[in-house]
Amino acid sequence: MSDTLTKAHIVDAVAEANGYTRKKSIEIVETLLELIKQSLESGDDVMISGFGRLCVKEKAKRRGRNPATGKDLIIVPRKVVTFKWSGKLKEKLNTKPIKKAKKRHDKSIKI
């Protein structure tokens, strides 16, 4: 499998895991994605237990700058989707504890 999970990969995995035809798997995946889109469009959060939560957030209008020209501009208000992962997913992704670097408090100079 490549580094990116695509809709086609999901369809194939659903078909293989459940013994469904490819056509039936496409219907299932499309239905699921459509339910998620409809919920987000209506402003509802989507919470998938053991995975995470998709939330719609309102971004206010703000000043910005065009990086190509350097001109100031106003960025219009808009909605964005954010993702907050569940504790279970966080655990799975971070199975090895990260060791913190030891702070050196020794300021003496050795000659």
PDB file of N, CA and C in Angstrom:
ATOM      1  N   MET A   1       0.828  -1.175   0.000  1.00  0.00           N
ATOM      2  CA  MET A   1       0.000   0.000   0.000  1.00  0.00           C
ATOM      3  C   MET A   1       0.880   1.249   0.000  1.00  0.00           C
ATOM      4  N   SER A   2       0.411   2.304  -0.638  1.00  0.00           N
ATOM      5  CA  SER A   2       1.182   3.546  -0.688  1.00  0.00           C
ATOM      6  C   SER A   2       1.084   4.283   0.648  1.00  0.00           C
ATOM      7  N   ASP A   3       1.713   5.445   0.738  1.00  0.00           N
ATOM      8  CA  ASP A   3       1.730   6.222   1.975  1.00  0.00           C
ATOM      9  C   ASP A   3       0.403   6.911   2.263  1.00  0.00           C
ATOM     10  N   THR A   4      -0.488   6.986   1.278  1.00  0.00           N
ATOM     11  CA  THR A   4      -1.764   7.669   1.452  1.00  0.00           C
ATOM     12  C   THR A   4      -2.909   6.681   1.298  1.00  0.00           C
ATOM     13  N   LEU A   5      -3.808   6.688   2.282  1.00  0.00           N
ATOM     14  CA  LEU A   5      -4.993   5.850   2.213  1.00  0.00           C
ATOM     15  C   LEU A   5      -6.026   6.579   1.364  1.00  0.00           C
ATOM     16  N   THR A   6      -6.441   5.972   0.266  1.00  0.00           N
ATOM     17  CA  THR A   6      -7.409   6.595  -0.634  1.00  0.00           C
ATOM     18  C   THR A   6      -8.770   5.933  -0.481  1.00  0.00           C
ATOM     19  N   LYS A   7      -9.783   6.561  -1.072  1.00  0.00           N
ATOM     20  CA  LYS A   7     -11.120   5.988  -1.044  1.00  0.00           C
ATOM     21  C   LYS A   7     -11.120   4.615  -1.711  1.00  0.00           C
ATOM     22  N   ALA A   8     -10.357   4.452  -2.770  1.00  0.00           N
ATOM     23  CA  ALA A   8     -10.265   3.164  -3.461  1.00  0.00           C
ATOM     24  C   ALA A   8      -9.690   2.089  -2.542  1.00  0.00           C
ATOM     25  N   HIS A   9      -8.683   2.438  -1.740  1.00  0.00           N
ATOM     26  CA  HIS A   9      -8.115   1.493  -0.779  1.00  0.00           C
ATOM     27  C   HIS A   9      -9.157   1.083   0.260  1.00  0.00           C
ATOM     28  N   ILE A  10      -9.935   2.065   0.725  1.00  0.00           N
ATOM     29  CA  ILE A  10     -10.976   1.779   1.716  1.00  0.00           C
ATOM     30  C   ILE A  10     -12.024   0.845   1.122  1.00  0.00           C
ATOM     31  N   VAL A  11     -12.447   1.121  -0.104  1.00  0.00           N
ATOM     32  CA  VAL A  11     -13.434   0.269  -0.783  1.00  0.00           C
ATOM     33  C   VAL A  11     -12.903  -1.152  -0.901  1.00  0.00           C
ATOM     34  N   ASP A  12     -11.674  -1.303  -1.333  1.00  0.00           N
ATOM     35  CA  ASP A  12     -11.078  -2.636  -1.481  1.00  0.00           C
ATOM     36  C   ASP A  12     -10.999  -3.358  -0.130  1.00  0.00           C
ATOM     37  N   ALA A  13     -10.628  -2.633   0.927  1.00  0.00           N
ATOM     38  CA  ALA A  13     -10.508  -3.240   2.250  1.00  0.00           C
ATOM     39  C   ALA A  13     -11.878  -3.677   2.782  1.00  0.00           C
ATOM     40  N   VAL A  14     -12.913  -2.886   2.557  1.00  0.00           N
ATOM     41  CA  VAL A  14     -14.269  -3.241   2.982  1.00  0.00           C
ATOM     42  C   VAL A  14     -14.740  -4.479   2.233  1.00  0.00           C
ATOM     43  N   ALA A  15     -14.476  -4.519   0.940  1.00  0.00           N
ATOM     44  CA  ALA A  15     -14.877  -5.677   0.131  1.00  0.00           C
ATOM     45  C   ALA A  15     -14.174  -6.942   0.606  1.00  0.00           C
ATOM     46  N   GLU A  16     -12.890  -6.844   0.851  1.00  0.00           N
ATOM     47  CA  GLU A  16     -12.106  -8.013   1.259  1.00  0.00           C
ATOM     48  C   GLU A  16     -12.468  -8.483   2.669  1.00  0.00           C
ATOM     49  N   ALA A  17     -12.627  -7.554   3.587  1.00  0.00           N
ATOM     50  CA  ALA A  17     -12.897  -7.914   4.981  1.00  0.00           C
ATOM     51  C   ALA A  17     -14.290  -8.510   5.179  1.00  0.00           C
ATOM     52  N   ASN A  18     -15.250  -8.093   4.350  1.00  0.00           N
ATOM     53  CA  ASN A  18     -16.630  -8.523   4.562  1.00  0.00           C
ATOM     54  C   ASN A  18     -17.172  -9.451   3.475  1.00  0.00           C
ATOM     55  N   GLY A  19     -16.367  -9.717   2.457  1.00  0.00           N
ATOM     56  CA  GLY A  19     -16.821 -10.589   1.386  1.00  0.00           C
ATOM     57  C   GLY A  19     -17.859  -9.946   0.476  1.00  0.00           C
ATOM     58  N   TYR A  20     -17.916  -8.615   0.462  1.00  0.00           N
ATOM     59  CA  TYR A  20     -18.860  -7.902  -0.398  1.00  0.00           C
ATOM     60  C   TYR A  20     -18.282  -7.751  -1.798  1.00  0.00           C
ATOM     61  N   THR A  21     -19.177  -7.477  -2.740  1.00  0.00           N
ATOM     62  CA  THR A  21     -18.713  -7.149  -4.088  1.00  0.00           C
ATOM     63  C   THR A  21     -18.138  -5.736  -4.046  1.00  0.00           C
ATOM     64  N   ARG A  22     -17.347  -5.395  -5.039  1.00  0.00           N
ATOM     65  CA  ARG A  22     -16.775  -4.051  -5.109  1.00  0.00           C
ATOM     66  C   ARG A  22     -17.884  -3.010  -5.196  1.00  0.00           C
ATOM     67  N   LYS A  23     -18.940  -3.322  -5.963  1.00  0.00           N
ATOM     68  CA  LYS A  23     -20.062  -2.384  -6.126  1.00  0.00           C
ATOM     69  C   LYS A  23     -20.736  -2.113  -4.782  1.00  0.00           C
ATOM     70  N   LYS A  24     -20.975  -3.162  -4.000  1.00  0.00           N
ATOM     71  CA  LYS A  24     -21.612  -3.010  -2.687  1.00  0.00           C
ATOM     72  C   LYS A  24     -20.703  -2.219  -1.746  1.00  0.00           C
ATOM     73  N   SER A  25     -19.400  -2.479  -1.795  1.00  0.00           N
ATOM     74  CA  SER A  25     -18.439  -1.758  -0.955  1.00  0.00           C
ATOM     75  C   SER A  25     -18.401  -0.282  -1.313  1.00  0.00           C
ATOM     76  N   ILE A  26     -18.488   0.027  -2.590  1.00  0.00           N
ATOM     77  CA  ILE A  26     -18.522   1.439  -3.024  1.00  0.00           C
ATOM     78  C   ILE A  26     -19.748   2.117  -2.442  1.00  0.00           C
ATOM     79  N   GLU A  27     -20.900   1.446  -2.491  1.00  0.00           N
ATOM     80  CA  GLU A  27     -22.138   2.012  -1.937  1.00  0.00           C
ATOM     81  C   GLU A  27     -21.989   2.296  -0.441  1.00  0.00           C
ATOM     82  N   ILE A  28     -21.400   1.358   0.290  1.00  0.00           N
ATOM     83  CA  ILE A  28     -21.231   1.511   1.735  1.00  0.00           C
ATOM     84  C   ILE A  28     -20.324   2.695   2.050  1.00  0.00           C
ATOM     85  N   VAL A  29     -19.176   2.767   1.396  1.00  0.00           N
ATOM     86  CA  VAL A  29     -18.220   3.847   1.653  1.00  0.00           C
ATOM     87  C   VAL A  29     -18.819   5.195   1.247  1.00  0.00           C
ATOM     88  N   GLU A  30     -19.480   5.265   0.103  1.00  0.00           N
ATOM     89  CA  GLU A  30     -20.095   6.522  -0.347  1.00  0.00           C
ATOM     90  C   GLU A  30     -21.190   6.968   0.617  1.00  0.00           C
ATOM     91  N   THR A  31     -21.988   6.028   1.128  1.00  0.00           N
ATOM     92  CA  THR A  31     -23.043   6.356   2.083  1.00  0.00           C
ATOM     93  C   THR A  31     -22.449   6.913   3.364  1.00  0.00           C
ATOM     94  N   LEU A  32     -21.422   6.271   3.873  1.00  0.00           N
ATOM     95  CA  LEU A  32     -20.756   6.738   5.086  1.00  0.00           C
ATOM     96  C   LEU A  32     -20.201   8.149   4.907  1.00  0.00           C
ATOM     97  N   LEU A  33     -19.498   8.380   3.807  1.00  0.00           N
ATOM     98  CA  LEU A  33     -18.914   9.707   3.564  1.00  0.00           C
ATOM     99  C   LEU A  33     -19.998  10.766   3.384  1.00  0.00           C
ATOM    100  N   GLU A  34     -21.093  10.391   2.754  1.00  0.00           N
ATOM    101  CA  GLU A  34     -22.202  11.335   2.558  1.00  0.00           C
ATOM    102  C   GLU A  34     -22.837  11.703   3.901  1.00  0.00           C
ATOM    103  N   LEU A  35     -22.992  10.736   4.797  1.00  0.00           N
ATOM    104  CA  LEU A  35     -23.524  11.020   6.141  1.00  0.00           C
ATOM    105  C   LEU A  35     -22.612  11.986   6.891  1.00  0.00           C
ATOM    106  N   ILE A  36     -21.318  11.770   6.793  1.00  0.00           N
ATOM    107  CA  ILE A  36     -20.355  12.656   7.463  1.00  0.00           C
ATOM    108  C   ILE A  36     -20.446  14.063   6.876  1.00  0.00           C
ATOM    109  N   LYS A  37     -20.495  14.161   5.543  1.00  0.00           N
ATOM    110  CA  LYS A  37     -20.584  15.482   4.901  1.00  0.00           C
ATOM    111  C   LYS A  37     -21.856  16.215   5.293  1.00  0.00           C
ATOM    112  N   GLN A  38     -22.986  15.507   5.312  1.00  0.00           N
ATOM    113  CA  GLN A  38     -24.265  16.134   5.671  1.00  0.00           C
ATOM    114  C   GLN A  38     -24.245  16.650   7.102  1.00  0.00           C
ATOM    115  N   SER A  39     -23.674  15.876   8.015  1.00  0.00           N
ATOM    116  CA  SER A  39     -23.590  16.304   9.408  1.00  0.00           C
ATOM    117  C   SER A  39     -22.741  17.561   9.542  1.00  0.00           C
ATOM    118  N   LEU A  40     -21.593  17.579   8.872  1.00  0.00           N
ATOM    119  CA  LEU A  40     -20.715  18.747   8.936  1.00  0.00           C
ATOM    120  C   LEU A  40     -21.370  19.961   8.296  1.00  0.00           C
ATOM    121  N   GLU A  41     -22.079  19.765   7.171  1.00  0.00           N
ATOM    122  CA  GLU A  41     -22.760  20.885   6.506  1.00  0.00           C
ATOM    123  C   GLU A  41     -23.812  21.510   7.410  1.00  0.00           C
ATOM    124  N   SER A  42     -24.482  20.696   8.218  1.00  0.00           N
ATOM    125  CA  SER A  42     -25.518  21.226   9.103  1.00  0.00           C
ATOM    126  C   SER A  42     -24.927  21.807  10.384  1.00  0.00           C
ATOM    127  N   GLY A  43     -23.614  21.736  10.537  1.00  0.00           N
ATOM    128  CA  GLY A  43     -22.941  22.320  11.696  1.00  0.00           C
ATOM    129  C   GLY A  43     -22.767  21.360  12.858  1.00  0.00           C
ATOM    130  N   ASP A  44     -23.160  20.100  12.679  1.00  0.00           N
ATOM    131  CA  ASP A  44     -23.010  19.100  13.734  1.00  0.00           C
ATOM    132  C   ASP A  44     -21.601  18.526  13.730  1.00  0.00           C
ATOM    133  N   ASP A  45     -21.141  18.119  14.919  1.00  0.00           N
ATOM    134  CA  ASP A  45     -19.864  17.420  15.030  1.00  0.00           C
ATOM    135  C   ASP A  45     -20.062  15.960  14.645  1.00  0.00           C
ATOM    136  N   VAL A  46     -18.992  15.326  14.192  1.00  0.00           N
ATOM    137  CA  VAL A  46     -19.012  13.901  13.885  1.00  0.00           C
ATOM    138  C   VAL A  46     -18.021  13.242  14.829  1.00  0.00           C
ATOM    139  N   MET A  47     -18.551  12.363  15.707  1.00  0.00           N
ATOM    140  CA  MET A  47     -17.680  11.684  16.661  1.00  0.00           C
ATOM    141  C   MET A  47     -17.672  10.196  16.359  1.00  0.00           C
ATOM    142  N   ILE A  48     -16.480   9.668  16.111  1.00  0.00           N
ATOM    143  CA  ILE A  48     -16.308   8.249  15.840  1.00  0.00           C
ATOM    144  C   ILE A  48     -15.502   7.683  17.002  1.00  0.00           C
ATOM    145  N   SER A  49     -16.173   6.870  17.819  1.00  0.00           N
ATOM    146  CA  SER A  49     -15.561   6.326  19.025  1.00  0.00           C
ATOM    147  C   SER A  49     -14.279   5.569  18.687  1.00  0.00           C
ATOM    148  N   GLY A  50     -13.228   5.842  19.448  1.00  0.00           N
ATOM    149  CA  GLY A  50     -11.947   5.184  19.243  1.00  0.00           C
ATOM    150  C   GLY A  50     -11.125   5.793  18.118  1.00  0.00           C
ATOM    151  N   PHE A  51     -11.675   6.803  17.432  1.00  0.00           N
ATOM    152  CA  PHE A  51     -10.964   7.447  16.325  1.00  0.00           C
ATOM    153  C   PHE A  51     -10.781   8.935  16.581  1.00  0.00           C
ATOM    154  N   GLY A  52     -11.898   9.663  16.708  1.00  0.00           N
ATOM    155  CA  GLY A  52     -11.786  11.093  16.958  1.00  0.00           C
ATOM    156  C   GLY A  52     -13.052  11.834  16.633  1.00  0.00           C
ATOM    157  N   ARG A  53     -12.944  13.159  16.658  1.00  0.00           N
ATOM    158  CA  ARG A  53     -14.090  14.018  16.419  1.00  0.00           C
ATOM    159  C   ARG A  53     -13.760  15.048  15.340  1.00  0.00           C
ATOM    160  N   LEU A  54     -14.673  15.176  14.370  1.00  0.00           N
ATOM    161  CA  LEU A  54     -14.581  16.216  13.357  1.00  0.00           C
ATOM    162  C   LEU A  54     -15.528  17.337  13.773  1.00  0.00           C
ATOM    163  N   CYS A  55     -15.028  18.558  13.828  1.00  0.00           N
ATOM    164  CA  CYS A  55     -15.821  19.704  14.268  1.00  0.00           C
ATOM    165  C   CYS A  55     -15.756  20.813  13.220  1.00  0.00           C
ATOM    166  N   VAL A  56     -16.871  21.518  13.066  1.00  0.00           N
ATOM    167  CA  VAL A  56     -16.909  22.688  12.195  1.00  0.00           C
ATOM    168  C   VAL A  56     -16.645  23.913  13.059  1.00  0.00           C
ATOM    169  N   LYS A  57     -15.660  24.710  12.675  1.00  0.00           N
ATOM    170  CA  LYS A  57     -15.306  25.931  13.412  1.00  0.00           C
ATOM    171  C   LYS A  57     -15.490  27.130  12.485  1.00  0.00           C
ATOM    172  N   GLU A  58     -15.909  28.239  13.075  1.00  0.00           N
ATOM    173  CA  GLU A  58     -16.072  29.490  12.336  1.00  0.00           C
ATOM    174  C   GLU A  58     -14.781  30.293  12.438  1.00  0.00           C
ATOM    175  N   LYS A  59     -14.251  30.709  11.321  1.00  0.00           N
ATOM    176  CA  LYS A  59     -13.083  31.590  11.296  1.00  0.00           C
ATOM    177  C   LYS A  59     -13.590  33.003  11.004  1.00  0.00           C
ATOM    178  N   ALA A  60     -13.194  33.938  11.831  1.00  0.00           N
ATOM    179  CA  ALA A  60     -13.608  35.325  11.650  1.00  0.00           C
ATOM    180  C   ALA A  60     -12.819  35.972  10.510  1.00  0.00           C
ATOM    181  N   LYS A  61     -13.342  37.084  10.027  1.00  0.00           N
ATOM    182  CA  LYS A  61     -12.599  37.828   8.996  1.00  0.00           C
ATOM    183  C   LYS A  61     -11.359  38.408   9.647  1.00  0.00           C
ATOM    184  N   ARG A  62     -10.281  38.484   8.878  1.00  0.00           N
ATOM    185  CA  ARG A  62      -9.028  38.987   9.424  1.00  0.00           C
ATOM    186  C   ARG A  62      -8.178  39.587   8.320  1.00  0.00           C
ATOM    187  N   ARG A  63      -7.173  40.338   8.768  1.00  0.00           N
ATOM    188  CA  ARG A  63      -6.230  40.922   7.818  1.00  0.00           C
ATOM    189  C   ARG A  63      -5.200  39.880   7.444  1.00  0.00           C
ATOM    190  N   GLY A  64      -4.796  39.892   6.198  1.00  0.00           N
ATOM    191  CA  GLY A  64      -3.763  38.986   5.732  1.00  0.00           C
ATOM    192  C   GLY A  64      -2.888  39.694   4.727  1.00  0.00           C
ATOM    193  N   ARG A  65      -1.979  38.940   4.128  1.00  0.00           N
ATOM    194  CA  ARG A  65      -1.087  39.520   3.137  1.00  0.00           C
ATOM    195  C   ARG A  65      -0.868  38.522   2.018  1.00  0.00           C
ATOM    196  N   ASN A  66      -0.902  38.999   0.786  1.00  0.00           N
ATOM    197  CA  ASN A  66      -0.606  38.168  -0.368  1.00  0.00           C
ATOM    198  C   ASN A  66       0.905  37.963  -0.401  1.00  0.00           C
ATOM    199  N   PRO A  67       1.380  36.721  -0.230  1.00  0.00           N
ATOM    200  CA  PRO A  67       2.829  36.511  -0.174  1.00  0.00           C
ATOM    201  C   PRO A  67       3.545  36.817  -1.487  1.00  0.00           C
ATOM    202  N   ALA A  68       2.827  36.713  -2.600  1.00  0.00           N
ATOM    203  CA  ALA A  68       3.460  36.976  -3.897  1.00  0.00           C
ATOM    204  C   ALA A  68       3.687  38.469  -4.118  1.00  0.00           C
ATOM    205  N   THR A  69       2.684  39.302  -3.741  1.00  0.00           N
ATOM    206  CA  THR A  69       2.793  40.737  -4.005  1.00  0.00           C
ATOM    207  C   THR A  69       3.120  41.555  -2.763  1.00  0.00           C
ATOM    208  N   GLY A  70       2.853  40.986  -1.585  1.00  0.00           N
ATOM    209  CA  GLY A  70       3.088  41.718  -0.350  1.00  0.00           C
ATOM    210  C   GLY A  70       1.961  42.671   0.007  1.00  0.00           C
ATOM    211  N   LYS A  71       0.891  42.708  -0.801  1.00  0.00           N
ATOM    212  CA  LYS A  71      -0.223  43.621  -0.541  1.00  0.00           C
ATOM    213  C   LYS A  71      -1.096  43.083   0.591  1.00  0.00           C
ATOM    214  N   ASP A  72      -1.599  44.011   1.428  1.00  0.00           N
ATOM    215  CA  ASP A  72      -2.537  43.644   2.488  1.00  0.00           C
ATOM    216  C   ASP A  72      -3.892  43.332   1.862  1.00  0.00           C
ATOM    217  N   LEU A  73      -4.609  42.405   2.504  1.00  0.00           N
ATOM    218  CA  LEU A  73      -5.952  42.078   2.048  1.00  0.00           C
ATOM    219  C   LEU A  73      -6.771  41.582   3.221  1.00  0.00           C
ATOM    220  N   ILE A  74      -8.079  41.495   3.031  1.00  0.00           N
ATOM    221  CA  ILE A  74      -8.975  40.989   4.070  1.00  0.00           C
ATOM    222  C   ILE A  74      -9.365  39.566   3.693  1.00  0.00           C
ATOM    223  N   ILE A  75      -9.135  38.632   4.626  1.00  0.00           N
ATOM    224  CA  ILE A  75      -9.530  37.243   4.425  1.00  0.00           C
ATOM    225  C   ILE A  75     -10.953  37.121   4.950  1.00  0.00           C
ATOM    226  N   VAL A  76     -11.856  36.663   4.096  1.00  0.00           N
ATOM    227  CA  VAL A  76     -13.279  36.603   4.426  1.00  0.00           C
ATOM    228  C   VAL A  76     -13.546  35.549   5.511  1.00  0.00           C
ATOM    229  N   PRO A  77     -14.629  35.733   6.278  1.00  0.00           N
ATOM    230  CA  PRO A  77     -14.981  34.717   7.267  1.00  0.00           C
ATOM    231  C   PRO A  77     -15.335  33.406   6.556  1.00  0.00           C
ATOM    232  N   ARG A  78     -15.027  32.296   7.212  1.00  0.00           N
ATOM    233  CA  ARG A  78     -15.299  31.003   6.582  1.00  0.00           C
ATOM    234  C   ARG A  78     -15.404  29.928   7.648  1.00  0.00           C
ATOM    235  N   LYS A  79     -15.847  28.761   7.218  1.00  0.00           N
ATOM    236  CA  LYS A  79     -15.927  27.608   8.105  1.00  0.00           C
ATOM    237  C   LYS A  79     -14.807  26.650   7.741  1.00  0.00           C
ATOM    238  N   VAL A  80     -14.233  26.015   8.766  1.00  0.00           N
ATOM    239  CA  VAL A  80     -13.191  25.014   8.556  1.00  0.00           C
ATOM    240  C   VAL A  80     -13.535  23.778   9.380  1.00  0.00           C
ATOM    241  N   VAL A  81     -13.030  22.636   8.952  1.00  0.00           N
ATOM    242  CA  VAL A  81     -13.222  21.400   9.696  1.00  0.00           C
ATOM    243  C   VAL A  81     -11.935  21.087  10.437  1.00  0.00           C
ATOM    244  N   THR A  82     -12.055  20.821  11.729  1.00  0.00           N
ATOM    245  CA  THR A  82     -10.906  20.451  12.540  1.00  0.00           C
ATOM    246  C   THR A  82     -11.082  19.008  13.008  1.00  0.00           C
ATOM    247  N   PHE A  83      -9.975  18.372  13.355  1.00  0.00           N
ATOM    248  CA  PHE A  83     -10.009  17.000  13.836  1.00  0.00           C
ATOM    249  C   PHE A  83      -9.313  16.925  15.180  1.00  0.00           C
ATOM    250  N   LYS A  84      -9.982  16.306  16.144  1.00  0.00           N
ATOM    251  CA  LYS A  84      -9.373  16.064  17.451  1.00  0.00           C
ATOM    252  C   LYS A  84      -9.378  14.559  17.656  1.00  0.00           C
ATOM    253  N   TRP A  85      -8.202  13.973  17.781  1.00  0.00           N
ATOM    254  CA  TRP A  85      -8.104  12.523  17.876  1.00  0.00           C
ATOM    255  C   TRP A  85      -8.480  12.028  19.263  1.00  0.00           C
ATOM    256  N   SER A  86      -8.943  10.780  19.304  1.00  0.00           N
ATOM    257  CA  SER A  86      -9.347  10.180  20.578  1.00  0.00           C
ATOM    258  C   SER A  86      -8.119   9.705  21.342  1.00  0.00           C
ATOM    259  N   GLY A  87      -8.322   9.448  22.614  1.00  0.00           N
ATOM    260  CA  GLY A  87      -7.242   8.936  23.444  1.00  0.00           C
ATOM    261  C   GLY A  87      -6.735   7.590  22.964  1.00  0.00           C
ATOM    262  N   LYS A  88      -7.659   6.742  22.473  1.00  0.00           N
ATOM    263  CA  LYS A  88      -7.259   5.421  21.980  1.00  0.00           C
ATOM    264  C   LYS A  88      -6.373   5.543  20.744  1.00  0.00           C
ATOM    265  N   LEU A  89      -6.727   6.438  19.824  1.00  0.00           N
ATOM    266  CA  LEU A  89      -5.912   6.634  18.626  1.00  0.00           C
ATOM    267  C   LEU A  89      -4.558   7.225  19.004  1.00  0.00           C
ATOM    268  N   LYS A  90      -4.572   8.152  19.935  1.00  0.00           N
ATOM    269  CA  LYS A  90      -3.332   8.777  20.395  1.00  0.00           C
ATOM    270  C   LYS A  90      -2.394   7.719  20.975  1.00  0.00           C
ATOM    271  N   GLU A  91      -2.956   6.795  21.767  1.00  0.00           N
ATOM    272  CA  GLU A  91      -2.161   5.704  22.335  1.00  0.00           C
ATOM    273  C   GLU A  91      -1.547   4.827  21.256  1.00  0.00           C
ATOM    274  N   LYS A  92      -2.352   4.480  20.253  1.00  0.00           N
ATOM    275  CA  LYS A  92      -1.859   3.612  19.178  1.00  0.00           C
ATOM    276  C   LYS A  92      -0.728   4.266  18.394  1.00  0.00           C
ATOM    277  N   LEU A  93      -0.851   5.559  18.159  1.00  0.00           N
ATOM    278  CA  LEU A  93       0.156   6.260  17.370  1.00  0.00           C
ATOM    279  C   LEU A  93       1.416   6.557  18.166  1.00  0.00           C
ATOM    280  N   ASN A  94       1.287   6.611  19.465  1.00  0.00           N
ATOM    281  CA  ASN A  94       2.423   6.942  20.327  1.00  0.00           C
ATOM    282  C   ASN A  94       2.735   5.778  21.261  1.00  0.00           C
ATOM    283  N   THR A  95       3.026   4.624  20.695  1.00  0.00           N
ATOM    284  CA  THR A  95       3.267   3.437  21.508  1.00  0.00           C
ATOM    285  C   THR A  95       4.589   3.494  22.255  1.00  0.00           C
ATOM    286  N   LYS A  96       5.588   4.125  21.693  1.00  0.00           N
ATOM    287  CA  LYS A  96       6.885   4.233  22.346  1.00  0.00           C
ATOM    288  C   LYS A  96       6.962   5.569  23.066  1.00  0.00           C
ATOM    289  N   PRO A  97       7.288   5.550  24.354  1.00  0.00           N
ATOM    290  CA  PRO A  97       7.396   6.822  25.067  1.00  0.00           C
ATOM    291  C   PRO A  97       8.570   7.640  24.537  1.00  0.00           C
ATOM    292  N   ILE A  98       8.357   8.908  24.431  1.00  0.00           N
ATOM    293  CA  ILE A  98       9.407   9.814  23.952  1.00  0.00           C
ATOM    294  C   ILE A  98      10.243  10.236  25.152  1.00  0.00           C
ATOM    295  N   LYS A  99      11.538  10.020  25.060  1.00  0.00           N
ATOM    296  CA  LYS A  99      12.427  10.402  26.151  1.00  0.00           C
ATOM    297  C   LYS A  99      12.740  11.883  26.044  1.00  0.00           C
ATOM    298  N   LYS A 100      12.582  12.548  27.173  1.00  0.00           N
ATOM    299  CA  LYS A 100      12.894  13.975  27.201  1.00  0.00           C
ATOM    300  C   LYS A 100      14.390  14.147  27.385  1.00  0.00           C
ATOM    301  N   ALA A 101      14.922  15.147  26.754  1.00  0.00           N
ATOM    302  CA  ALA A 101      16.352  15.433  26.890  1.00  0.00           C
ATOM    303  C   ALA A 101      16.620  15.938  28.301  1.00  0.00           C
ATOM    304  N   LYS A 102      17.705  15.477  28.862  1.00  0.00           N
ATOM    305  CA  LYS A 102      18.076  15.917  30.201  1.00  0.00           C
ATOM    306  C   LYS A 102      18.611  17.339  30.137  1.00  0.00           C
ATOM    307  N   LYS A 103      18.145  18.143  31.071  1.00  0.00           N
ATOM    308  CA  LYS A 103      18.631  19.523  31.129  1.00  0.00           C
ATOM    309  C   LYS A 103      19.969  19.528  31.846  1.00  0.00           C
ATOM    310  N   ARG A 104      20.871  20.279  31.320  1.00  0.00           N
ATOM    311  CA  ARG A 104      22.185  20.395  31.962  1.00  0.00           C
ATOM    312  C   ARG A 104      22.186  21.604  32.870  1.00  0.00           C
ATOM    313  N   HIS A 105      22.360  21.343  34.144  1.00  0.00           N
ATOM    314  CA  HIS A 105      22.391  22.417  35.122  1.00  0.00           C
ATOM    315  C   HIS A 105      23.813  22.760  35.533  1.00  0.00           C
ATOM    316  N   ASP A 106      24.754  21.983  35.067  1.00  0.00           N
ATOM    317  CA  ASP A 106      26.150  22.177  35.451  1.00  0.00           C
ATOM    318  C   ASP A 106      26.721  23.337  34.647  1.00  0.00           C
ATOM    319  N   LYS A 107      26.971  24.446  35.329  1.00  0.00           N
ATOM    320  CA  LYS A 107      27.510  25.625  34.647  1.00  0.00           C
ATOM    321  C   LYS A 107      28.974  25.848  34.984  1.00  0.00           C
ATOM    322  N   SER A 108      29.560  24.912  35.696  1.00  0.00           N
ATOM    323  CA  SER A 108      30.969  25.075  36.054  1.00  0.00           C
ATOM    324  C   SER A 108      31.840  24.832  34.808  1.00  0.00           C
ATOM    325  N   ILE A 109      32.951  25.489  34.758  1.00  0.00           N
ATOM    326  CA  ILE A 109      33.864  25.373  33.639  1.00  0.00           C
ATOM    327  C   ILE A 109      35.007  24.469  34.049  1.00  0.00           C
ATOM    328  N   LYS A 110      35.260  23.448  33.263  1.00  0.00           N
ATOM    329  CA  LYS A 110      36.359  22.535  33.570  1.00  0.00           C
ATOM    330  C   LYS A 110      37.565  22.953  32.719  1.00  0.00           C
ATOM    331  N   ILE A 111      38.711  23.004  33.396  1.00  0.00           N
ATOM    332  CA  ILE A 111      39.921  23.409  32.705  1.00  0.00           C
ATOM    333  C   ILE A 111      40.899  22.258  32.684  1.00  0.00           C
TER     334      ILE A 111
END
